Amino acid sequence: MSFNIALSGVSAAQKDLDVTANNIANVNTVGFKESRAEFGDVYASSLLAGAKTKVGDGVLTQEVAQQFSQGSLQFTNTALDLAITGNGFFATVPEITSRDFSFTRAGQFKLDEDNFVVNSNGDNLLGFPVNTDGTSSSVALSTTVPVRIPDSSGSPQQTSEVDIRMNLPAGDPALDPTQFNPDDPLTYNAATSVTVYDSLGDSHVMTYYFIKDPASATTNDWYVATAIDDNLVDMVNSDGTDSDVATATNTVGTASGFPVTAAKMSFSQGGDFVSIQAADGVSSSDFKIQTEALGGTILSNGSDPTQQISIDFNLDPAGATTLEPTQFASAFEVTSLEQDGLPVGRLTGIDIGPDGLVRATFSNGTSEPIVRVALVRFSNEQGLTQQSSTQWKESIASGEALAGEATTGTYGEINSSALEQANVNLTTELIDLIIAQRNFQANSRALEVNNQLNQTILNIR
């Protein structure tokens, strides 16, 4: 009996050595969780045996239990390196259409050839679909999708409105509007331009020419002629009505061969903006005018020929007593010139927040929420079935996988540009290694003594 007891001790010590050696071997494995060999004594007796004199039957390895304590963080320069602080696992699948879930704490992710986020095994990271405001549309594991980073922001957005604010110099001399020629700077007082976009995302230069009107009794009226890609365009009322160029009230450039219906801005004697008129000389109630349809010679690339660009001259909030722009005795100055169009944007970077929201930024200055990285937790983490490459599978002992958003409830926080190191304490493992070695030697000695006793018995004559 003592021979078997010592043999079980040797086996247990060997198991302890194996577990400790595996921990030491994975000290640099990202997301690795150390294991601990747990032992129990073996004790058995019959119904009528004397319990007071019963000796144990050795030792038994009950479980090699993984310890899911937090590992330290190593910070990197890669946004797709992810680490979880707190509770939770990343969910992955081997194929984008697969539902064979694996769970890991190793966050060494990268992009594959199709811009899907994958780990070193090529498994796809899963996330929750999000709405345009960044909120998750669903937080169920069954509705997760493979995380994919787009390389463009989709369709371009054509310019529909330009907001402009400036000061026109009150001391400038008045010029004859019939002599206006965009090729001759002496025929207009000032000019500025902005880049606008058509429905295909092509850029065009929209230029504004300001001509002080000599016919105004107070000399506080200015014509505004507009050109796109050096082609003059007629300005119409914000309600879309137009006047023929030949009969319009605000026509400039007739003598120079560049006739165009311009807008007319009026200022008070204090330099405050009073009104804006389109072709027919009627003031716009919303301080906006717009171009004629830009099809034909201006937009000849197949883009939307009905595109019109509205120009808003009043940028002050509702209820303000002062309107913009101004006509003061200072130099021409543009203080605001913005438009709402966008070209096609190319991916310039990604940002992953603590809540797992993946936001992509593009070269056109926009940013979009793409997806939210999903986290999964279990009632009993030690019940998970261990796989290779620091991955686990759901089991009966672990309980059902419960998906949720990072930083909510008991779910941890996601750290971008960081990796979770193995939670192995090398010093402790080396001490355990010495202890396991001593245990192995002691049980081996017990085997040797038992062998000697048996040999002595066999040698008795």
Protein backbone atom coordinates (compact mmCIF):
# COMPACT_ATOMS: atom_id res chain seq x y z
CA MET A 1 0.00 0.00 0.00
CA SER A 2 2.78 2.43 0.88
CA PHE A 3 4.29 1.76 -2.52
CA ASN A 4 1.11 3.01 -4.23
CA ILE A 5 0.89 6.01 -1.91
CA ALA A 6 4.43 7.09 -2.83
CA LEU A 7 3.70 6.46 -6.51
CA SER A 8 0.66 8.76 -6.37
CA GLY A 9 2.87 11.41 -4.74
CA VAL A 10 5.41 11.11 -7.56
CA SER A 11 2.61 11.45 -10.12
CA ALA A 12 1.20 14.53 -8.36
CA ALA A 13 4.64 16.12 -8.11
CA GLN A 14 5.17 15.48 -11.81
CA LYS A 15 1.83 17.13 -12.60
CA ASP A 16 2.82 20.12 -10.46
CA LEU A 17 6.14 20.34 -12.33
CA ASP A 18 4.35 20.19 -15.69
CA VAL A 19 1.90 22.97 -14.75
CA THR A 20 4.68 25.19 -13.40
CA ALA A 21 6.84 24.60 -16.48
CA ASN A 22 3.92 25.50 -18.75
CA ASN A 23 3.38 28.75 -16.83
CA ILE A 24 7.05 29.65 -17.15
CA ALA A 25 7.08 28.78 -20.87
CA ASN A 26 4.17 31.20 -21.49
CA VAL A 27 5.44 34.11 -19.42
CA ASN A 28 5.60 36.26 -22.60
CA THR A 29 2.37 34.98 -24.20
CA VAL A 30 -0.13 37.83 -24.57
CA GLY A 31 -3.45 37.10 -22.87
CA PHE A 32 -2.18 33.90 -21.22
CA LYS A 33 -3.69 32.90 -17.87
CA GLU A 34 -1.61 30.86 -15.49
CA SER A 35 -2.76 27.47 -14.24
CA ARG A 36 -2.62 25.94 -10.81
CA ALA A 37 -2.57 22.22 -10.04
CA GLU A 38 -5.08 21.46 -7.29
CA PHE A 39 -4.73 18.20 -5.35
CA GLY A 40 -6.86 16.21 -2.94
CA ASP A 41 -6.10 13.34 -0.63
CA VAL A 42 -7.44 9.84 -1.29
CA TYR A 43 -9.18 8.20 1.63
CA ALA A 44 -11.30 5.09 1.51
CA SER A 45 -12.53 2.67 4.17
CA SER A 46 -15.01 -0.15 4.42
CA LEU A 47 -18.12 -0.09 6.56
CA LEU A 48 -16.64 -2.08 9.45
CA ALA A 49 -13.06 -0.74 9.22
CA GLY A 50 -11.56 1.11 12.13
CA ALA A 51 -11.54 4.75 11.13
CA LYS A 52 -9.17 5.73 13.92
CA THR A 53 -6.40 3.60 12.52
CA LYS A 54 -7.06 4.13 8.78
CA VAL A 55 -4.20 5.58 6.76
CA GLY A 56 -4.80 7.67 3.62
CA ASP A 57 -4.34 6.15 0.16
CA GLY A 58 -2.25 8.93 -1.37
CA VAL A 59 -2.93 12.03 -3.44
CA LEU A 60 -5.02 12.74 -6.52
CA THR A 61 -4.89 15.63 -9.02
CA GLN A 62 -8.39 17.07 -8.83
CA GLU A 63 -8.08 19.88 -11.36
CA VAL A 64 -5.66 22.02 -13.29
CA ALA A 65 -7.49 25.32 -12.73
CA GLN A 66 -6.71 28.47 -14.67
CA GLN A 67 -6.42 31.71 -12.76
CA PHE A 68 -8.13 34.62 -14.54
CA SER A 69 -6.52 37.41 -12.57
CA GLN A 70 -5.67 40.66 -14.39
CA GLY A 71 -2.39 40.77 -16.28
CA SER A 72 -0.30 43.91 -16.55
CA LEU A 73 -0.69 46.16 -19.60
CA GLN A 74 2.01 46.74 -22.19
CA PHE A 75 1.39 49.88 -24.26
CA THR A 76 2.07 49.91 -27.99
CA ASN A 77 1.75 52.26 -30.98
CA THR A 78 -0.89 50.19 -32.80
CA ALA A 79 -4.53 51.18 -32.42
CA LEU A 80 -5.72 47.62 -33.11
CA ASP A 81 -3.78 46.25 -30.14
CA LEU A 82 -6.54 45.84 -27.55
CA ALA A 83 -6.45 44.94 -23.86
CA ILE A 84 -9.31 44.38 -21.44
CA THR A 85 -9.09 45.88 -17.97
CA GLY A 86 -11.56 44.00 -15.82
CA ASN A 87 -14.06 41.31 -16.70
CA GLY A 88 -14.71 39.99 -20.21
CA PHE A 89 -13.38 38.25 -23.29
CA PHE A 90 -13.14 39.16 -26.97
CA ALA A 91 -15.33 37.00 -29.22
CA THR A 92 -13.91 35.59 -32.47
CA VAL A 93 -15.02 33.26 -35.27
CA PRO A 94 -12.84 31.39 -37.80
CA GLU A 95 -14.89 32.60 -40.80
CA ILE A 96 -17.07 35.67 -41.32
CA THR A 97 -20.16 33.46 -41.77
CA SER A 98 -19.31 31.08 -38.91
CA ARG A 99 -21.03 30.96 -35.51
CA ASP A 100 -18.33 28.79 -33.94
CA PHE A 101 -17.41 31.25 -31.20
CA SER A 102 -14.07 31.32 -29.45
CA PHE A 103 -13.14 33.66 -26.63
CA THR A 104 -9.80 35.23 -25.85
CA ARG A 105 -8.03 37.91 -23.85
CA ALA A 106 -5.24 38.20 -26.42
CA GLY A 107 -5.80 41.46 -28.31
CA GLN A 108 -3.13 41.33 -31.00
CA PHE A 109 -5.43 42.27 -33.87
CA LYS A 110 -4.65 43.47 -37.39
CA LEU A 111 -6.35 43.97 -40.77
CA ASP A 112 -6.54 41.21 -43.38
CA GLU A 113 -6.65 41.68 -47.14
CA ASP A 114 -10.39 42.50 -47.00
CA ASN A 115 -10.03 45.03 -44.15
CA PHE A 116 -11.53 42.67 -41.55
CA VAL A 117 -9.98 42.80 -38.08
CA VAL A 118 -8.38 39.41 -37.34
CA ASN A 119 -6.00 37.93 -34.78
CA SER A 120 -2.78 36.00 -35.42
CA ASN A 121 -4.78 32.85 -36.26
CA GLY A 122 -6.87 34.70 -38.84
CA ASP A 123 -10.00 34.56 -36.66
CA ASN A 124 -12.39 37.49 -37.07
CA LEU A 125 -13.08 39.83 -34.16
CA LEU A 126 -16.79 40.34 -33.49
CA GLY A 127 -18.63 43.54 -32.62
CA PHE A 128 -22.10 45.00 -32.26
CA PRO A 129 -23.64 46.97 -35.16
CA VAL A 130 -24.04 50.67 -34.30
CA ASN A 131 -26.36 53.47 -35.34
CA THR A 132 -25.16 56.77 -36.80
CA ASP A 133 -25.06 58.31 -33.32
CA GLY A 134 -22.74 55.58 -32.05
CA THR A 135 -25.31 53.66 -29.99
CA SER A 136 -25.41 49.89 -30.38
CA SER A 137 -28.38 48.60 -32.36
CA SER A 138 -28.13 45.24 -30.60
CA VAL A 139 -26.06 43.70 -27.78
CA ALA A 140 -26.82 40.01 -28.34
CA LEU A 141 -24.02 37.60 -29.21
CA SER A 142 -26.18 36.15 -31.99
CA THR A 143 -26.31 39.55 -33.75
CA THR A 144 -22.58 40.32 -33.61
CA VAL A 145 -20.81 40.90 -36.91
CA PRO A 146 -17.15 40.68 -37.93
CA VAL A 147 -15.43 44.02 -37.39
CA ARG A 148 -14.43 45.62 -40.69
CA ILE A 149 -12.70 48.94 -41.21
CA PRO A 150 -13.76 50.67 -44.48
CA ASP A 151 -11.12 52.38 -46.59
CA SER A 152 -13.50 55.12 -47.77
CA SER A 153 -16.41 57.04 -46.30
CA GLY A 154 -18.83 56.08 -49.03
CA SER A 155 -20.71 58.45 -51.31
CA PRO A 156 -19.62 62.09 -51.60
CA GLN A 157 -21.96 64.91 -50.59
CA GLN A 158 -22.67 67.71 -53.02
CA THR A 159 -22.53 71.29 -51.77
CA SER A 160 -25.95 72.74 -51.11
CA GLU A 161 -25.06 75.82 -49.04
CA VAL A 162 -22.17 78.20 -48.46
CA ASP A 163 -22.06 80.37 -45.34
CA ILE A 164 -20.06 83.56 -45.74
CA ARG A 165 -19.20 86.38 -43.37
CA MET A 166 -16.91 89.30 -44.20
CA ASN A 167 -16.35 93.03 -43.95
CA LEU A 168 -16.55 95.20 -47.07
CA PRO A 169 -14.37 98.35 -46.98
CA ALA A 170 -16.63 101.41 -46.67
CA GLY A 171 -13.92 103.70 -48.02
CA ASP A 172 -13.45 101.91 -51.34
CA PRO A 173 -14.41 103.86 -54.49
CA ALA A 174 -17.55 102.92 -56.37
CA LEU A 175 -17.08 101.17 -59.74
CA ASP A 176 -19.22 100.95 -62.86
CA PRO A 177 -20.93 97.52 -62.62
CA THR A 178 -21.46 97.42 -66.39
CA GLN A 179 -17.67 97.30 -66.83
CA PHE A 180 -17.27 94.27 -64.58
CA ASN A 181 -14.81 91.78 -66.00
CA PRO A 182 -13.64 88.86 -63.81
CA ASP A 183 -10.35 88.85 -65.72
CA ASP A 184 -9.67 92.48 -64.81
CA PRO A 185 -9.12 93.14 -61.06
CA LEU A 186 -9.61 96.88 -61.66
CA THR A 187 -13.31 96.32 -62.42
CA TYR A 188 -14.22 94.94 -58.96
CA ASN A 189 -13.33 95.93 -55.42
CA ALA A 190 -12.67 92.55 -53.79
CA ALA A 191 -12.95 88.82 -54.38
CA THR A 192 -12.79 85.58 -52.42
CA SER A 193 -13.33 81.93 -53.25
CA VAL A 194 -14.22 78.57 -51.70
CA THR A 195 -13.99 74.97 -52.92
CA VAL A 196 -17.37 73.30 -53.50
CA TYR A 197 -18.28 69.76 -54.59
CA ASP A 198 -20.69 68.22 -57.08
CA SER A 199 -22.65 64.99 -56.64
CA LEU A 200 -19.69 62.89 -57.82
CA GLY A 201 -17.30 64.45 -55.32
CA ASP A 202 -15.38 66.50 -57.89
CA SER A 203 -14.16 69.83 -56.58
CA HIS A 204 -14.93 73.21 -58.13
CA VAL A 205 -13.77 76.71 -57.21
CA MET A 206 -16.63 79.10 -56.42
CA THR A 207 -15.53 82.75 -56.55
CA TYR A 208 -17.38 85.84 -55.29
CA TYR A 209 -16.71 89.30 -56.77
CA PHE A 210 -17.78 92.41 -54.84
CA ILE A 211 -18.49 95.66 -56.73
CA LYS A 212 -19.46 98.85 -54.94
CA ASP A 213 -22.52 100.40 -56.60
CA PRO A 214 -22.10 104.09 -57.68
CA ALA A 215 -25.84 104.48 -58.31
CA SER A 216 -26.78 104.07 -54.64
CA ALA A 217 -27.70 107.35 -52.94
CA THR A 218 -25.89 106.33 -49.78
CA THR A 219 -23.12 104.38 -51.60
CA ASN A 220 -23.81 101.49 -49.23
CA ASP A 221 -24.90 98.94 -51.85
CA TRP A 222 -22.65 96.25 -53.29
CA TYR A 223 -23.11 93.88 -56.20
CA VAL A 224 -22.04 90.24 -55.68
CA ALA A 225 -21.23 88.38 -58.89
CA THR A 226 -20.56 84.63 -58.65
CA ALA A 227 -18.47 82.31 -60.81
CA ILE A 228 -17.77 78.59 -60.64
CA ASP A 229 -14.58 77.38 -62.34
CA ASP A 230 -14.31 80.86 -63.93
CA ASN A 231 -17.82 80.55 -65.42
CA LEU A 232 -20.19 83.30 -64.24
CA VAL A 233 -23.55 82.07 -62.95
CA ASP A 234 -26.81 83.94 -62.46
CA MET A 235 -28.07 84.44 -58.92
CA VAL A 236 -31.74 83.73 -58.26
CA ASN A 237 -34.08 84.17 -55.33
CA SER A 238 -33.97 81.62 -52.54
CA ASP A 239 -37.47 80.48 -53.58
CA GLY A 240 -36.03 79.41 -56.95
CA THR A 241 -37.58 82.14 -59.15
CA ASP A 242 -35.30 83.75 -61.73
CA SER A 243 -35.29 86.78 -64.01
CA ASP A 244 -34.01 86.95 -67.55
CA VAL A 245 -30.46 88.35 -67.71
CA ALA A 246 -31.43 91.08 -70.15
CA THR A 247 -34.30 92.43 -68.03
CA ALA A 248 -33.08 91.67 -64.54
CA THR A 249 -32.65 94.54 -62.12
CA ASN A 250 -29.20 93.51 -60.87
CA THR A 251 -27.25 92.90 -64.09
CA VAL A 252 -23.50 93.57 -64.22
CA GLY A 253 -20.81 93.28 -66.85
CA THR A 254 -22.96 94.15 -69.86
CA ALA A 255 -20.46 96.61 -71.36
CA SER A 256 -17.48 94.28 -70.89
CA GLY A 257 -19.20 91.28 -72.48
CA PHE A 258 -19.67 89.37 -69.20
CA PRO A 259 -23.36 89.90 -68.45
CA VAL A 260 -24.62 88.12 -65.33
CA THR A 261 -27.45 88.65 -62.86
CA ALA A 262 -25.77 89.45 -59.59
CA ALA A 263 -26.97 89.74 -56.03
CA LYS A 264 -27.06 93.13 -54.34
CA MET A 265 -26.16 93.66 -50.68
CA SER A 266 -27.37 96.73 -48.80
CA PHE A 267 -25.87 98.19 -45.62
CA SER A 268 -27.06 100.87 -43.23
CA GLN A 269 -25.14 104.09 -42.60
CA GLY A 270 -23.76 102.37 -39.50
CA GLY A 271 -22.31 99.56 -41.63
CA ASP A 272 -24.82 96.90 -40.58
CA PHE A 273 -26.12 94.38 -43.09
CA VAL A 274 -29.67 95.25 -44.12
CA SER A 275 -30.72 93.02 -47.02
CA ILE A 276 -29.69 90.85 -49.93
CA GLN A 277 -31.44 90.97 -53.32
CA ALA A 278 -31.36 88.49 -56.19
CA ALA A 279 -31.94 89.12 -59.89
CA ASP A 280 -35.37 90.77 -59.62
CA GLY A 281 -34.33 93.28 -56.96
CA VAL A 282 -36.61 91.78 -54.30
CA SER A 283 -34.99 91.38 -50.87
CA SER A 284 -34.66 87.82 -49.59
CA SER A 285 -36.57 87.22 -46.37
CA ASP A 286 -34.05 84.64 -45.10
CA PHE A 287 -30.92 86.53 -46.27
CA LYS A 288 -30.16 83.75 -48.74
CA ILE A 289 -29.78 83.63 -52.49
CA GLN A 290 -28.82 80.73 -54.70
CA THR A 291 -27.20 79.99 -58.01
CA GLU A 292 -29.03 78.88 -61.10
CA ALA A 293 -28.89 75.14 -61.91
CA LEU A 294 -25.26 74.32 -62.61
CA GLY A 295 -25.76 71.78 -65.40
CA GLY A 296 -24.42 72.29 -68.91
CA THR A 297 -21.00 73.87 -69.33
CA ILE A 298 -20.22 74.14 -65.60
CA LEU A 299 -21.03 70.57 -64.58
CA SER A 300 -20.18 68.53 -67.64
CA ASN A 301 -18.77 65.46 -65.87
CA GLY A 302 -22.04 63.55 -65.51
CA SER A 303 -22.89 64.89 -62.05
CA ASP A 304 -26.32 66.17 -61.02
CA PRO A 305 -27.14 69.02 -63.48
CA THR A 306 -29.90 70.39 -61.21
CA GLN A 307 -27.50 71.22 -58.39
CA GLN A 308 -27.95 74.71 -56.98
CA ILE A 309 -25.83 76.29 -54.25
CA SER A 310 -27.47 78.54 -51.70
CA ILE A 311 -25.42 81.39 -50.17
CA ASP A 312 -26.32 82.36 -46.63
CA PHE A 313 -25.22 85.87 -45.62
CA ASN A 314 -26.73 85.85 -42.13
CA LEU A 315 -24.73 83.71 -39.70
CA ASP A 316 -25.83 85.33 -36.46
CA PRO A 317 -28.06 83.26 -34.15
CA ALA A 318 -31.79 83.91 -34.03
CA GLY A 319 -32.73 87.02 -32.13
CA ALA A 320 -29.42 88.82 -32.65
CA THR A 321 -29.66 92.56 -33.23
CA THR A 322 -26.64 92.77 -35.55
CA LEU A 323 -26.59 91.02 -38.91
CA GLU A 324 -23.51 89.87 -40.75
CA PRO A 325 -21.63 90.75 -42.91
CA THR A 326 -20.59 94.37 -42.28
CA GLN A 327 -19.42 97.44 -44.13
CA PHE A 328 -16.99 99.26 -41.86
CA ALA A 329 -14.08 101.58 -42.54
CA SER A 330 -11.50 98.80 -42.51
CA ALA A 331 -9.90 96.50 -45.03
CA PHE A 332 -11.73 93.71 -46.85
CA GLU A 333 -11.69 90.69 -44.56
CA VAL A 334 -13.37 87.31 -44.80
CA THR A 335 -14.05 86.05 -41.26
CA SER A 336 -16.02 82.91 -42.16
CA LEU A 337 -16.41 80.93 -45.35
CA GLU A 338 -17.76 77.39 -45.03
CA GLN A 339 -19.61 74.94 -47.25
CA ASP A 340 -21.40 71.64 -46.51
CA GLY A 341 -20.14 69.45 -49.38
CA LEU A 342 -17.72 66.54 -49.07
CA PRO A 343 -15.47 64.68 -51.48
CA VAL A 344 -14.89 60.95 -51.22
CA GLY A 345 -12.81 60.42 -48.08
CA ARG A 346 -10.00 57.91 -47.63
CA LEU A 347 -9.29 56.30 -44.30
CA THR A 348 -6.65 58.20 -42.34
CA GLY A 349 -6.99 56.62 -38.90
CA ILE A 350 -9.14 54.72 -36.43
CA ASP A 351 -9.90 55.38 -32.79
CA ILE A 352 -11.24 52.82 -30.31
CA GLY A 353 -12.78 54.17 -27.13
CA PRO A 354 -12.93 52.56 -23.67
CA ASP A 355 -16.49 51.45 -24.46
CA GLY A 356 -15.26 49.61 -27.56
CA LEU A 357 -16.72 52.05 -30.09
CA VAL A 358 -14.61 51.99 -33.25
CA ARG A 359 -14.62 55.38 -35.01
CA ALA A 360 -12.92 55.88 -38.37
CA THR A 361 -11.57 59.26 -39.51
CA PHE A 362 -11.24 60.14 -43.18
CA SER A 363 -9.26 62.53 -45.34
CA ASN A 364 -12.35 64.67 -46.04
CA GLY A 365 -12.48 65.68 -42.38
CA THR A 366 -15.34 63.38 -41.38
CA SER A 367 -15.47 60.61 -38.81
CA GLU A 368 -17.95 57.76 -38.57
CA PRO A 369 -18.81 55.18 -35.90
CA ILE A 370 -18.17 51.81 -37.49
CA VAL A 371 -18.89 49.13 -34.90
CA ARG A 372 -18.56 48.47 -31.16
CA VAL A 373 -16.22 45.69 -30.06
CA ALA A 374 -18.24 43.09 -28.17
CA LEU A 375 -17.25 41.70 -24.77
CA VAL A 376 -18.43 38.35 -23.40
CA ARG A 377 -18.50 37.13 -19.80
CA PHE A 378 -19.31 33.83 -18.09
CA SER A 379 -20.68 32.85 -14.71
CA ASN A 380 -17.74 30.48 -14.14
CA GLU A 381 -14.65 31.41 -16.11
CA GLN A 382 -12.73 28.42 -14.75
CA GLY A 383 -15.29 26.15 -16.37
CA LEU A 384 -14.26 27.24 -19.88
CA THR A 385 -12.71 24.64 -22.16
CA GLN A 386 -9.17 25.69 -23.01
CA GLN A 387 -8.04 25.72 -26.64
CA SER A 388 -4.68 26.51 -28.17
CA SER A 389 -3.53 30.08 -28.93
CA THR A 390 -4.94 31.41 -25.62
CA GLN A 391 -8.55 30.77 -26.64
CA TRP A 392 -11.43 29.22 -24.74
CA LYS A 393 -14.74 27.60 -25.62
CA GLU A 394 -18.04 27.71 -23.79
CA SER A 395 -18.88 24.58 -21.77
CA ILE A 396 -21.64 23.35 -19.47
CA ALA A 397 -19.47 24.18 -16.46
CA SER A 398 -18.77 27.76 -17.62
CA GLY A 399 -22.40 28.70 -18.16
CA GLU A 400 -23.84 30.53 -21.14
CA ALA A 401 -21.85 33.25 -22.91
CA LEU A 402 -23.33 36.67 -22.06
CA ALA A 403 -22.44 39.49 -24.45
CA GLY A 404 -22.44 43.18 -23.54
CA GLU A 405 -20.81 46.56 -24.01
CA ALA A 406 -17.54 47.48 -22.35
CA THR A 407 -17.76 49.79 -19.29
CA THR A 408 -21.39 48.73 -18.63
CA GLY A 409 -22.47 46.51 -15.75
CA THR A 410 -19.72 44.08 -14.79
CA TYR A 411 -17.95 44.32 -18.14
CA GLY A 412 -14.45 45.72 -18.16
CA GLU A 413 -12.86 48.53 -20.14
CA ILE A 414 -11.16 48.23 -23.51
CA ASN A 415 -7.75 49.84 -23.85
CA SER A 416 -6.57 50.66 -27.36
CA SER A 417 -2.83 50.54 -28.18
CA ALA A 418 -2.24 48.15 -25.29
CA LEU A 419 -1.82 44.42 -24.74
CA GLU A 420 -2.52 42.37 -21.63
CA GLN A 421 0.55 40.44 -20.59
CA ALA A 422 0.46 36.97 -19.08
CA ASN A 423 -0.53 37.03 -15.42
CA VAL A 424 2.43 34.78 -14.55
CA ASN A 425 4.68 35.87 -11.68
CA LEU A 426 8.03 34.43 -12.68
CA THR A 427 9.50 34.65 -9.19
CA THR A 428 6.59 32.73 -7.68
CA GLU A 429 6.77 30.11 -10.42
CA LEU A 430 10.47 29.50 -9.82
CA ILE A 431 9.79 28.99 -6.11
CA ASP A 432 6.94 26.61 -6.97
CA LEU A 433 9.31 24.79 -9.28
CA ILE A 434 11.74 24.20 -6.42
CA ILE A 435 8.92 23.02 -4.14
CA ALA A 436 7.61 20.61 -6.80
CA GLN A 437 11.10 19.29 -7.34
CA ARG A 438 11.54 18.66 -3.60
CA ASN A 439 8.19 16.89 -3.47
CA PHE A 440 9.19 14.72 -6.39
CA GLN A 441 12.48 13.84 -4.71
CA ALA A 442 10.80 13.07 -1.38
CA ASN A 443 8.24 10.75 -2.97
CA SER A 444 10.96 9.11 -5.02
CA ARG A 445 12.83 8.50 -1.77
CA ALA A 446 9.69 6.94 -0.31
CA LEU A 447 9.54 4.59 -3.31
CA GLU A 448 13.17 3.70 -2.80
CA VAL A 449 12.64 2.93 0.90
CA ASN A 450 9.62 0.77 0.07
CA ASN A 451 11.68 -1.08 -2.49
CA GLN A 452 14.44 -1.70 0.06
CA LEU A 453 11.94 -3.01 2.63
CA ASN A 454 10.42 -5.36 0.08
CA GLN A 455 13.88 -6.57 -0.87
CA THR A 456 14.73 -7.18 2.80
CA ILE A 457 11.55 -9.23 3.24
CA LEU A 458 12.37 -11.29 0.15
CA ASN A 459 15.88 -11.99 1.49
CA ILE A 460 14.64 -13.43 4.81
CA ARG A 461 15.50 -17.16 5.01
